[in-house]
Structure formats: C-alpha cells, structure tokens
Amino acid sequence: MHDLRHAMVVRRIQDWHAHDVDVDAKIAALATYLGHVEVREVYWYLSAVPELMSIVAARFEAFTGCPPAGAS
C-alpha cells in the first residue's frame, strides 16, 4: 500500500514540474491530502527519487544561473 502512495506522490510532483506548476503553492494541499501534519514531511519524496532530484537540480541551476557541475 505504501508503494502505491509513494508512486502517486512522485508522479504528482513530476507532473507538476512537467506542467510548470508552482509546486511550493500546491505542496501544502498534497501534505494535507496525505495526512501529514508538517509540509516538510512531503519533501522527503523529493530526496528519495533520483528523477525528482534531477528535476529539482535543473530548476535550481536555472534559478541561480549556474551551469551544472562539470559543464564547460
């Protein structure tokens, strides 16, 4: 059951990123839906899935204007 829950959360966050949705604005609703007391409990999913980490890293690099490590 937890695998389905985890997959749903990961897909939802990936979909939001794919459609340029403001994840920070939506994450509180997702946390409530999942029954989490703290929003920070949902952010665990971001660090647990390599695909989400690469999306977040790319967005952070775009935000800071820094090229990825190893890029010339």
PDB file of N, CA and C in Angstrom:
ATOM      1  N   MET A   1       0.805  -1.187   0.000  1.00  0.00           N
ATOM      2  CA  MET A   1       0.000   0.000   0.000  1.00  0.00           C
ATOM      3  C   MET A   1       0.857   1.263   0.000  1.00  0.00           C
ATOM      4  N   HIS A   2       1.937   1.233   0.767  1.00  0.00           N
ATOM      5  CA  HIS A   2       2.811   2.399   0.818  1.00  0.00           C
ATOM      6  C   HIS A   2       3.502   2.641  -0.521  1.00  0.00           C
ATOM      7  N   ASP A   3       3.759   1.575  -1.280  1.00  0.00           N
ATOM      8  CA  ASP A   3       4.359   1.736  -2.606  1.00  0.00           C
ATOM      9  C   ASP A   3       3.424   2.513  -3.532  1.00  0.00           C
ATOM     10  N   LEU A   4       2.135   2.232  -3.465  1.00  0.00           N
ATOM     11  CA  LEU A   4       1.167   2.969  -4.285  1.00  0.00           C
ATOM     12  C   LEU A   4       1.105   4.431  -3.871  1.00  0.00           C
ATOM     13  N   ARG A   5       1.118   4.664  -2.583  1.00  0.00           N
ATOM     14  CA  ARG A   5       1.088   6.035  -2.060  1.00  0.00           C
ATOM     15  C   ARG A   5       2.325   6.794  -2.519  1.00  0.00           C
ATOM     16  N   HIS A   6       3.482   6.149  -2.386  1.00  0.00           N
ATOM     17  CA  HIS A   6       4.739   6.776  -2.799  1.00  0.00           C
ATOM     18  C   HIS A   6       4.716   7.076  -4.300  1.00  0.00           C
ATOM     19  N   ALA A   7       4.278   6.118  -5.099  1.00  0.00           N
ATOM     20  CA  ALA A   7       4.220   6.307  -6.556  1.00  0.00           C
ATOM     21  C   ALA A   7       3.277   7.449  -6.921  1.00  0.00           C
ATOM     22  N   MET A   8       2.140   7.557  -6.233  1.00  0.00           N
ATOM     23  CA  MET A   8       1.189   8.629  -6.518  1.00  0.00           C
ATOM     24  C   MET A   8       1.805   9.993  -6.240  1.00  0.00           C
ATOM     25  N   VAL A   9       2.484  10.115  -5.112  1.00  0.00           N
ATOM     26  CA  VAL A   9       3.099  11.396  -4.754  1.00  0.00           C
ATOM     27  C   VAL A   9       4.195  11.766  -5.750  1.00  0.00           C
ATOM     28  N   VAL A  10       5.036  10.816  -6.071  1.00  0.00           N
ATOM     29  CA  VAL A  10       6.130  11.079  -7.011  1.00  0.00           C
ATOM     30  C   VAL A  10       5.582  11.487  -8.376  1.00  0.00           C
ATOM     31  N   ARG A  11       4.585  10.771  -8.868  1.00  0.00           N
ATOM     32  CA  ARG A  11       4.001  11.120 -10.174  1.00  0.00           C
ATOM     33  C   ARG A  11       3.339  12.488 -10.148  1.00  0.00           C
ATOM     34  N   ARG A  12       2.665  12.809  -9.064  1.00  0.00           N
ATOM     35  CA  ARG A  12       2.015  14.110  -8.938  1.00  0.00           C
ATOM     36  C   ARG A  12       3.046  15.227  -8.990  1.00  0.00           C
ATOM     37  N   ILE A  13       4.133  15.101  -8.244  1.00  0.00           N
ATOM     38  CA  ILE A  13       5.167  16.136  -8.222  1.00  0.00           C
ATOM     39  C   ILE A  13       5.860  16.228  -9.585  1.00  0.00           C
ATOM     40  N   GLN A  14       6.133  15.088 -10.217  1.00  0.00           N
ATOM     41  CA  GLN A  14       6.724  15.101 -11.557  1.00  0.00           C
ATOM     42  C   GLN A  14       5.790  15.797 -12.545  1.00  0.00           C
ATOM     43  N   ASP A  15       4.509  15.505 -12.465  1.00  0.00           N
ATOM     44  CA  ASP A  15       3.537  16.123 -13.359  1.00  0.00           C
ATOM     45  C   ASP A  15       3.478  17.633 -13.145  1.00  0.00           C
ATOM     46  N   TRP A  16       3.499  18.065 -11.905  1.00  0.00           N
ATOM     47  CA  TRP A  16       3.504  19.499 -11.622  1.00  0.00           C
ATOM     48  C   TRP A  16       4.721  20.164 -12.246  1.00  0.00           C
ATOM     49  N   HIS A  17       5.878  19.540 -12.084  1.00  0.00           N
ATOM     50  CA  HIS A  17       7.098  20.113 -12.672  1.00  0.00           C
ATOM     51  C   HIS A  17       7.005  20.131 -14.200  1.00  0.00           C
ATOM     52  N   ALA A  18       6.487  19.081 -14.786  1.00  0.00           N
ATOM     53  CA  ALA A  18       6.369  18.996 -16.246  1.00  0.00           C
ATOM     54  C   ALA A  18       5.443  20.072 -16.808  1.00  0.00           C
ATOM     55  N   HIS A  19       4.461  20.482 -16.012  1.00  0.00           N
ATOM     56  CA  HIS A  19       3.498  21.480 -16.462  1.00  0.00           C
ATOM     57  C   HIS A  19       3.754  22.863 -15.861  1.00  0.00           C
ATOM     58  N   ASP A  20       4.970  23.073 -15.335  1.00  0.00           N
ATOM     59  CA  ASP A  20       5.382  24.353 -14.751  1.00  0.00           C
ATOM     60  C   ASP A  20       4.419  24.871 -13.690  1.00  0.00           C
ATOM     61  N   VAL A  21       3.886  23.954 -12.902  1.00  0.00           N
ATOM     62  CA  VAL A  21       3.023  24.325 -11.787  1.00  0.00           C
ATOM     63  C   VAL A  21       3.915  24.756 -10.622  1.00  0.00           C
ATOM     64  N   ASP A  22       3.486  25.741  -9.866  1.00  0.00           N
ATOM     65  CA  ASP A  22       4.218  26.185  -8.690  1.00  0.00           C
ATOM     66  C   ASP A  22       4.056  25.126  -7.601  1.00  0.00           C
ATOM     67  N   VAL A  23       5.042  24.260  -7.493  1.00  0.00           N
ATOM     68  CA  VAL A  23       4.972  23.142  -6.551  1.00  0.00           C
ATOM     69  C   VAL A  23       4.859  23.652  -5.123  1.00  0.00           C
ATOM     70  N   ASP A  24       5.574  24.724  -4.796  1.00  0.00           N
ATOM     71  CA  ASP A  24       5.505  25.264  -3.442  1.00  0.00           C
ATOM     72  C   ASP A  24       4.089  25.688  -3.076  1.00  0.00           C
ATOM     73  N   ALA A  25       3.338  26.170  -4.048  1.00  0.00           N
ATOM     74  CA  ALA A  25       1.960  26.588  -3.792  1.00  0.00           C
ATOM     75  C   ALA A  25       1.024  25.394  -3.622  1.00  0.00           C
ATOM     76  N   LYS A  26       1.364  24.270  -4.200  1.00  0.00           N
ATOM     77  CA  LYS A  26       0.497  23.084  -4.165  1.00  0.00           C
ATOM     78  C   LYS A  26       0.864  22.078  -3.076  1.00  0.00           C
ATOM     79  N   ILE A  27       2.090  22.167  -2.579  1.00  0.00           N
ATOM     80  CA  ILE A  27       2.592  21.117  -1.698  1.00  0.00           C
ATOM     81  C   ILE A  27       1.810  21.030  -0.385  1.00  0.00           C
ATOM     82  N   ALA A  28       1.302  22.146   0.118  1.00  0.00           N
ATOM     83  CA  ALA A  28       0.528  22.125   1.364  1.00  0.00           C
ATOM     84  C   ALA A  28      -0.757  21.312   1.187  1.00  0.00           C
ATOM     85  N   ALA A  29      -1.408  21.471   0.042  1.00  0.00           N
ATOM     86  CA  ALA A  29      -2.623  20.694  -0.222  1.00  0.00           C
ATOM     87  C   ALA A  29      -2.294  19.210  -0.316  1.00  0.00           C
ATOM     88  N   LEU A  30      -1.169  18.886  -0.945  1.00  0.00           N
ATOM     89  CA  LEU A  30      -0.756  17.487  -1.050  1.00  0.00           C
ATOM     90  C   LEU A  30      -0.452  16.916   0.336  1.00  0.00           C
ATOM     91  N   ALA A  31       0.225  17.693   1.164  1.00  0.00           N
ATOM     92  CA  ALA A  31       0.541  17.242   2.526  1.00  0.00           C
ATOM     93  C   ALA A  31      -0.739  16.962   3.307  1.00  0.00           C
ATOM     94  N   THR A  32      -1.710  17.847   3.177  1.00  0.00           N
ATOM     95  CA  THR A  32      -2.991  17.652   3.866  1.00  0.00           C
ATOM     96  C   THR A  32      -3.683  16.398   3.362  1.00  0.00           C
ATOM     97  N   TYR A  33      -3.699  16.213   2.049  1.00  0.00           N
ATOM     98  CA  TYR A  33      -4.322  15.031   1.448  1.00  0.00           C
ATOM     99  C   TYR A  33      -3.690  13.749   1.982  1.00  0.00           C
ATOM    100  N   LEU A  34      -2.368  13.784   2.175  1.00  0.00           N
ATOM    101  CA  LEU A  34      -1.648  12.610   2.652  1.00  0.00           C
ATOM    102  C   LEU A  34      -1.778  12.410   4.160  1.00  0.00           C
ATOM    103  N   GLY A  35      -2.312  13.424   4.846  1.00  0.00           N
ATOM    104  CA  GLY A  35      -2.467  13.329   6.289  1.00  0.00           C
ATOM    105  C   GLY A  35      -1.236  13.739   7.063  1.00  0.00           C
ATOM    106  N   HIS A  36      -0.298  14.409   6.390  1.00  0.00           N
ATOM    107  CA  HIS A  36       0.902  14.880   7.085  1.00  0.00           C
ATOM    108  C   HIS A  36       0.579  16.138   7.873  1.00  0.00           C
ATOM    109  N   VAL A  37       1.160  16.234   9.045  1.00  0.00           N
ATOM    110  CA  VAL A  37       0.973  17.419   9.881  1.00  0.00           C
ATOM    111  C   VAL A  37       1.868  18.548   9.378  1.00  0.00           C
ATOM    112  N   GLU A  38       3.063  18.222   8.969  1.00  0.00           N
ATOM    113  CA  GLU A  38       4.043  19.205   8.505  1.00  0.00           C
ATOM    114  C   GLU A  38       4.302  19.031   7.012  1.00  0.00           C
ATOM    115  N   VAL A  39       4.371  20.145   6.306  1.00  0.00           N
ATOM    116  CA  VAL A  39       4.662  20.104   4.872  1.00  0.00           C
ATOM    117  C   VAL A  39       6.032  19.482   4.622  1.00  0.00           C
ATOM    118  N   ARG A  40       6.966  19.719   5.512  1.00  0.00           N
ATOM    119  CA  ARG A  40       8.328  19.193   5.319  1.00  0.00           C
ATOM    120  C   ARG A  40       8.349  17.672   5.203  1.00  0.00           C
ATOM    121  N   GLU A  41       7.339  17.001   5.725  1.00  0.00           N
ATOM    122  CA  GLU A  41       7.280  15.550   5.624  1.00  0.00           C
ATOM    123  C   GLU A  41       7.074  15.088   4.182  1.00  0.00           C
ATOM    124  N   VAL A  42       6.497  15.930   3.351  1.00  0.00           N
ATOM    125  CA  VAL A  42       6.273  15.596   1.942  1.00  0.00           C
ATOM    126  C   VAL A  42       7.566  15.760   1.148  1.00  0.00           C
ATOM    127  N   TYR A  43       8.428  16.676   1.567  1.00  0.00           N
ATOM    128  CA  TYR A  43       9.662  16.923   0.820  1.00  0.00           C
ATOM    129  C   TYR A  43      10.602  15.730   0.837  1.00  0.00           C
ATOM    130  N   TRP A  44      10.362  14.768   1.717  1.00  0.00           N
ATOM    131  CA  TRP A  44      11.165  13.552   1.717  1.00  0.00           C
ATOM    132  C   TRP A  44      11.107  12.882   0.347  1.00  0.00           C
ATOM    133  N   TYR A  45       9.941  12.942  -0.291  1.00  0.00           N
ATOM    134  CA  TYR A  45       9.779  12.305  -1.597  1.00  0.00           C
ATOM    135  C   TYR A  45      10.734  12.898  -2.632  1.00  0.00           C
ATOM    136  N   LEU A  46      11.060  14.172  -2.500  1.00  0.00           N
ATOM    137  CA  LEU A  46      11.969  14.803  -3.452  1.00  0.00           C
ATOM    138  C   LEU A  46      13.368  14.216  -3.363  1.00  0.00           C
ATOM    139  N   SER A  47      13.810  13.903  -2.161  1.00  0.00           N
ATOM    140  CA  SER A  47      15.160  13.363  -1.997  1.00  0.00           C
ATOM    141  C   SER A  47      15.216  11.857  -2.191  1.00  0.00           C
ATOM    142  N   ALA A  48      14.079  11.209  -2.200  1.00  0.00           N
ATOM    143  CA  ALA A  48      14.056   9.751  -2.277  1.00  0.00           C
ATOM    144  C   ALA A  48      14.042   9.214  -3.703  1.00  0.00           C
ATOM    145  N   VAL A  49      13.815  10.089  -4.682  1.00  0.00           N
ATOM    146  CA  VAL A  49      13.650   9.634  -6.064  1.00  0.00           C
ATOM    147  C   VAL A  49      14.632  10.385  -6.973  1.00  0.00           C
ATOM    148  N   PRO A  50      15.552   9.669  -7.616  1.00  0.00           N
ATOM    149  CA  PRO A  50      16.542  10.324  -8.468  1.00  0.00           C
ATOM    150  C   PRO A  50      15.929  11.205  -9.564  1.00  0.00           C
ATOM    151  N   GLU A  51      14.813  10.776 -10.148  1.00  0.00           N
ATOM    152  CA  GLU A  51      14.181  11.568 -11.208  1.00  0.00           C
ATOM    153  C   GLU A  51      13.733  12.934 -10.686  1.00  0.00           C
ATOM    154  N   LEU A  52      13.193  12.952  -9.478  1.00  0.00           N
ATOM    155  CA  LEU A  52      12.779  14.227  -8.897  1.00  0.00           C
ATOM    156  C   LEU A  52      13.995  15.072  -8.532  1.00  0.00           C
ATOM    157  N   MET A  53      15.043  14.435  -8.040  1.00  0.00           N
ATOM    158  CA  MET A  53      16.259  15.189  -7.707  1.00  0.00           C
ATOM    159  C   MET A  53      16.833  15.859  -8.948  1.00  0.00           C
ATOM    160  N   SER A  54      16.809  15.185 -10.093  1.00  0.00           N
ATOM    161  CA  SER A  54      17.353  15.793 -11.308  1.00  0.00           C
ATOM    162  C   SER A  54      16.484  16.966 -11.764  1.00  0.00           C
ATOM    163  N   ILE A  55      15.173  16.862 -11.601  1.00  0.00           N
ATOM    164  CA  ILE A  55      14.277  17.978 -11.954  1.00  0.00           C
ATOM    165  C   ILE A  55      14.549  19.165 -11.041  1.00  0.00           C
ATOM    166  N   VAL A  56      14.628  18.904  -9.759  1.00  0.00           N
ATOM    167  CA  VAL A  56      14.855  19.970  -8.786  1.00  0.00           C
ATOM    168  C   VAL A  56      16.226  20.604  -9.006  1.00  0.00           C
ATOM    169  N   ALA A  57      17.232  19.788  -9.269  1.00  0.00           N
ATOM    170  CA  ALA A  57      18.580  20.311  -9.510  1.00  0.00           C
ATOM    171  C   ALA A  57      18.605  21.205 -10.749  1.00  0.00           C
ATOM    172  N   ALA A  58      17.954  20.777 -11.815  1.00  0.00           N
ATOM    173  CA  ALA A  58      17.921  21.583 -13.044  1.00  0.00           C
ATOM    174  C   ALA A  58      17.207  22.914 -12.804  1.00  0.00           C
ATOM    175  N   ARG A  59      16.109  22.885 -12.064  1.00  0.00           N
ATOM    176  CA  ARG A  59      15.395  24.133 -11.757  1.00  0.00           C
ATOM    177  C   ARG A  59      16.238  25.053 -10.884  1.00  0.00           C
ATOM    178  N   PHE A  60      16.971  24.476  -9.940  1.00  0.00           N
ATOM    179  CA  PHE A  60      17.820  25.291  -9.080  1.00  0.00           C
ATOM    180  C   PHE A  60      18.956  25.923  -9.888  1.00  0.00           C
ATOM    181  N   GLU A  61      19.547  25.147 -10.784  1.00  0.00           N
ATOM    182  CA  GLU A  61      20.615  25.679 -11.629  1.00  0.00           C
ATOM    183  C   GLU A  61      20.085  26.800 -12.511  1.00  0.00           C
ATOM    184  N   ALA A  62      18.898  26.652 -13.045  1.00  0.00           N
ATOM    185  CA  ALA A  62      18.299  27.711 -13.862  1.00  0.00           C
ATOM    186  C   ALA A  62      18.024  28.942 -13.007  1.00  0.00           C
ATOM    187  N   PHE A  63      17.581  28.745 -11.788  1.00  0.00           N
ATOM    188  CA  PHE A  63      17.292  29.849 -10.874  1.00  0.00           C
ATOM    189  C   PHE A  63      18.555  30.632 -10.527  1.00  0.00           C
ATOM    190  N   THR A  64      19.644  29.906 -10.264  1.00  0.00           N
ATOM    191  CA  THR A  64      20.884  30.571  -9.859  1.00  0.00           C
ATOM    192  C   THR A  64      21.716  31.049 -11.039  1.00  0.00           C
ATOM    193  N   GLY A  65      21.438  30.500 -12.214  1.00  0.00           N
ATOM    194  CA  GLY A  65      22.221  30.863 -13.395  1.00  0.00           C
ATOM    195  C   GLY A  65      23.561  30.144 -13.457  1.00  0.00           C
ATOM    196  N   CYS A  66      23.748  29.149 -12.584  1.00  0.00           N
ATOM    197  CA  CYS A  66      24.987  28.385 -12.569  1.00  0.00           C
ATOM    198  C   CYS A  66      24.854  27.165 -13.465  1.00  0.00           C
ATOM    199  N   PRO A  67      25.884  26.889 -14.258  1.00  0.00           N
ATOM    200  CA  PRO A  67      25.830  25.680 -15.094  1.00  0.00           C
ATOM    201  C   PRO A  67      25.994  24.441 -14.213  1.00  0.00           C
ATOM    202  N   PRO A  68      25.533  23.294 -14.699  1.00  0.00           N
ATOM    203  CA  PRO A  68      25.702  22.056 -13.938  1.00  0.00           C
ATOM    204  C   PRO A  68      27.173  21.756 -13.694  1.00  0.00           C
ATOM    205  N   ALA A  69      27.476  21.034 -12.642  1.00  0.00           N
ATOM    206  CA  ALA A  69      28.852  20.653 -12.338  1.00  0.00           C
ATOM    207  C   ALA A  69      29.430  19.870 -13.508  1.00  0.00           C
ATOM    208  N   GLY A  70      30.643  20.204 -13.886  1.00  0.00           N
ATOM    209  CA  GLY A  70      31.302  19.511 -14.984  1.00  0.00           C
ATOM    210  C   GLY A  70      30.996  20.087 -16.344  1.00  0.00           C
ATOM    211  N   ALA A  71      30.071  21.052 -16.437  1.00  0.00           N
ATOM    212  CA  ALA A  71      29.759  21.675 -17.726  1.00  0.00           C
ATOM    213  C   ALA A  71      30.783  22.745 -18.029  1.00  0.00           C
ATOM    214  N   SER A  72      31.064  22.926 -19.293  1.00  0.00           N
ATOM    215  CA  SER A  72      32.040  23.963 -19.643  1.00  0.00           C
ATOM    216  C   SER A  72      31.373  25.128 -20.320  1.00  0.00           C
TER     217      SER A  72
END
